[in-house]
């Protein structure tokens, strides 16, 4: 299995297990289009599946932040690049947020590895405040939390058919920017 195929499989597993976390592994395998035996050969236990998805989510998030070049250009343009690059993998982010602390014995290690990237996101939001494009009455941490919640909502709405996948990035960006944009008085 190539790296790209594995990444697609982990994304599909994340989507299934986020929606139905207690689904038996045989049904998880069926839901992603592989046999139980194949799933078991790749991941000998549910914990191994979860650990692989969490690792993929973390690596993907870090790579997305790097690729978005957050320090380049105005903050609102960097946010647009970040959200555009994040949307295809939002299900991994969702899985990471909803499963990291509950099921992962190494959540402290994940937090430690993620912290520099979280700080870069916070710095971007603070820069947006300094540039005058983001509200200053909301903390950067709250805005980061809100952005994550919007990604979550977009994944859920797309899955339920309430939001077209092609519209998801623009919907998240529009809701986020219009909600946190500094208003002229």
Protein backbone atom coordinates (compact mmCIF):
# COMPACT_ATOMS: atom_id res chain seq x y z
CA UNK A 1 0.00 0.00 0.00
CA UNK A 2 1.42 3.37 -1.01
CA UNK A 3 1.63 6.31 1.38
CA UNK A 4 -1.23 8.05 -0.42
CA UNK A 5 -3.44 4.95 -0.23
CA UNK A 6 -2.67 4.59 3.47
CA UNK A 7 -3.47 8.28 4.04
CA UNK A 8 -6.83 7.87 2.23
CA UNK A 9 -7.60 4.74 4.26
CA UNK A 10 -6.78 6.51 7.55
CA UNK A 11 -8.99 9.44 6.52
CA UNK A 12 -11.85 7.04 5.75
CA UNK A 13 -11.31 5.22 9.05
CA UNK A 14 -11.34 8.56 10.89
CA UNK A 15 -14.64 9.50 9.25
CA UNK A 16 -16.26 6.18 10.17
CA UNK A 17 -14.95 6.08 13.74
CA UNK A 18 -15.81 9.72 14.40
CA UNK A 19 -19.38 9.09 13.33
CA UNK A 20 -19.68 5.67 15.00
CA UNK A 21 -16.89 5.24 17.57
CA UNK A 22 -18.16 1.94 18.97
CA UNK A 23 -18.71 0.23 15.62
CA UNK A 24 -17.27 -3.33 15.62
CA UNK A 25 -14.06 -3.62 13.61
CA UNK A 26 -15.66 -5.94 11.05
CA UNK A 27 -18.22 -3.25 10.26
CA UNK A 28 -15.52 -0.56 10.28
CA UNK A 29 -13.63 -2.58 7.64
CA UNK A 30 -16.80 -2.96 5.56
CA UNK A 31 -17.53 0.76 5.83
CA UNK A 32 -14.13 1.65 4.34
CA UNK A 33 -14.30 -1.05 1.66
CA UNK A 34 -11.77 -3.60 2.90
CA UNK A 35 -12.04 -6.99 4.57
CA UNK A 36 -11.70 -7.49 8.31
CA UNK A 37 -8.62 -9.66 7.63
CA UNK A 38 -6.94 -6.86 5.66
CA UNK A 39 -7.72 -4.33 8.37
CA UNK A 40 -6.36 -6.71 11.01
CA UNK A 41 -3.15 -7.31 9.01
CA UNK A 42 -2.57 -3.57 8.84
CA UNK A 43 -3.71 -2.78 12.38
CA UNK A 44 -3.81 -5.70 14.83
CA UNK A 45 -6.21 -3.92 17.22
CA UNK A 46 -8.68 -1.05 17.52
CA UNK A 47 -6.04 0.78 19.58
CA UNK A 48 -3.56 0.40 16.69
CA UNK A 49 -6.13 1.88 14.28
CA UNK A 50 -6.74 4.81 16.61
CA UNK A 51 -3.02 5.39 17.16
CA UNK A 52 -2.39 5.36 13.38
CA UNK A 53 -5.23 7.83 12.74
CA UNK A 54 -4.02 10.12 15.52
CA UNK A 55 -0.47 10.06 14.14
CA UNK A 56 -1.77 10.77 10.64
CA UNK A 57 -3.92 13.62 11.94
CA UNK A 58 -1.02 15.17 13.79
CA UNK A 59 1.39 14.84 10.85
CA UNK A 60 -1.22 16.17 8.43
CA UNK A 61 -1.99 19.16 10.65
CA UNK A 62 1.67 20.05 10.99
CA UNK A 63 2.24 19.67 7.23
CA UNK A 64 -0.83 21.77 6.44
CA UNK A 65 0.42 24.60 8.65
CA UNK A 66 3.84 24.46 6.99
CA UNK A 67 2.34 24.42 3.49
CA UNK A 68 0.02 27.35 4.24
CA UNK A 69 3.03 29.63 4.85
CA UNK A 70 1.30 31.48 7.67
CA UNK A 71 3.95 34.18 7.88
CA UNK A 72 3.56 35.19 4.19
CA UNK A 73 1.28 38.05 3.26
CA UNK A 74 -1.63 39.57 5.16
CA UNK A 75 -3.14 37.51 7.97
CA UNK A 76 -6.54 37.16 6.28
CA UNK A 77 -4.91 35.73 3.15
CA UNK A 78 -2.85 33.31 5.27
CA UNK A 79 -6.05 32.23 7.05
CA UNK A 80 -7.70 31.59 3.69
CA UNK A 81 -4.74 29.44 2.60
CA UNK A 82 -4.79 27.56 5.89
CA UNK A 83 -8.52 26.80 5.78
CA UNK A 84 -8.38 25.85 2.12
CA UNK A 85 -5.55 23.40 2.80
CA UNK A 86 -7.27 22.08 5.96
CA UNK A 87 -10.74 21.29 4.61
CA UNK A 88 -9.93 18.10 2.71
CA UNK A 89 -8.51 16.65 5.93
CA UNK A 90 -10.92 18.16 8.43
CA UNK A 91 -12.16 14.70 9.43
CA UNK A 92 -8.66 13.91 10.73
CA UNK A 93 -8.69 17.12 12.77
CA UNK A 94 -12.08 16.14 14.12
CA UNK A 95 -10.82 12.71 15.08
CA UNK A 96 -7.74 14.17 16.74
CA UNK A 97 -9.76 16.61 18.81
CA UNK A 98 -12.43 14.10 19.82
CA UNK A 99 -10.17 11.12 20.54
CA UNK A 100 -6.77 12.40 21.63
CA UNK A 101 -7.40 12.75 25.33
CA UNK A 102 -9.92 9.95 25.76
CA UNK A 103 -8.20 7.08 23.99
CA UNK A 104 -4.57 7.92 23.54
CA UNK A 105 -2.09 7.07 26.25
CA UNK A 106 0.40 9.48 24.70
CA UNK A 107 -1.83 12.57 24.64
CA UNK A 108 0.86 14.53 26.53
CA UNK A 109 3.32 13.62 23.76
CA UNK A 110 0.80 14.72 21.11
CA UNK A 111 0.25 17.99 22.97
CA UNK A 112 4.01 18.56 23.15
CA UNK A 113 4.51 17.87 19.44
CA UNK A 114 1.52 20.04 18.50
CA UNK A 115 2.34 23.01 20.74
CA UNK A 116 4.76 24.83 18.39
CA UNK A 117 2.16 24.61 15.61
CA UNK A 118 -0.60 25.81 17.89
CA UNK A 119 1.59 28.75 18.79
CA UNK A 120 2.03 29.56 15.09
CA UNK A 121 -1.75 29.55 14.64
CA UNK A 122 -2.19 31.82 17.63
CA UNK A 123 0.53 34.14 16.30
CA UNK A 124 -1.31 34.35 12.98
CA UNK A 125 -4.54 35.31 14.72
CA UNK A 126 -2.75 37.90 16.86
CA UNK A 127 -1.12 39.29 13.73
CA UNK A 128 -4.59 39.60 12.21
CA UNK A 129 -5.62 41.62 15.26
CA UNK A 130 -2.54 43.83 14.92
CA UNK A 131 -3.19 44.32 11.20
CA UNK A 132 -6.71 45.46 12.02
CA UNK A 133 -8.56 42.68 10.18
CA UNK A 134 -9.58 40.61 13.22
CA UNK A 135 -11.47 41.69 16.30
CA UNK A 136 -9.43 42.62 19.35
CA UNK A 137 -12.22 41.98 21.86
CA UNK A 138 -11.87 38.20 21.33
CA UNK A 139 -8.77 36.29 22.38
CA UNK A 140 -6.68 34.52 19.77
CA UNK A 141 -7.27 31.25 21.64
CA UNK A 142 -11.03 31.69 21.44
CA UNK A 143 -10.78 32.41 17.71
CA UNK A 144 -8.69 29.27 17.26
CA UNK A 145 -11.30 27.25 19.15
CA UNK A 146 -14.05 28.78 17.00
CA UNK A 147 -12.17 27.93 13.81
CA UNK A 148 -11.91 24.31 14.96
CA UNK A 149 -15.62 24.25 15.76
CA UNK A 150 -16.43 25.60 12.29
CA UNK A 151 -14.29 22.89 10.70
CA UNK A 152 -16.17 20.32 12.78
CA UNK A 153 -19.53 21.80 11.72
CA UNK A 154 -18.49 21.79 8.06
CA UNK A 155 -17.50 18.11 8.18
CA UNK A 156 -20.74 17.18 9.93
CA UNK A 157 -22.88 19.24 7.55
CA UNK A 158 -21.10 17.85 4.50
CA UNK A 159 -21.57 14.31 5.76
CA UNK A 160 -25.28 14.96 6.41
CA UNK A 161 -25.79 16.53 2.99
CA UNK A 162 -26.55 20.02 4.33
CA UNK A 163 -23.42 21.56 2.81
CA UNK A 164 -21.88 20.82 -0.57
CA UNK A 165 -18.27 19.65 -0.23
CA UNK A 166 -17.22 22.21 -2.84
CA UNK A 167 -18.72 24.99 -0.69
CA UNK A 168 -17.27 23.90 2.66
CA UNK A 169 -14.05 25.91 2.60
CA UNK A 170 -15.79 29.12 1.56
CA UNK A 171 -18.51 28.54 4.17
CA UNK A 172 -15.99 28.10 6.98
CA UNK A 173 -13.86 31.02 5.84
CA UNK A 174 -16.90 33.28 5.42
CA UNK A 175 -18.41 32.40 8.78
CA UNK A 176 -15.07 32.73 10.53
CA UNK A 177 -13.96 35.98 8.94
CA UNK A 178 -17.33 37.67 9.17
CA UNK A 179 -17.60 36.65 12.81
CA UNK A 180 -14.15 37.78 13.91
CA UNK A 181 -13.53 40.65 11.48
CA UNK A 182 -13.00 43.98 13.18
CA UNK A 183 -16.03 46.18 12.64
CA UNK A 184 -15.69 49.81 11.72
CA UNK A 185 -17.51 52.17 14.03
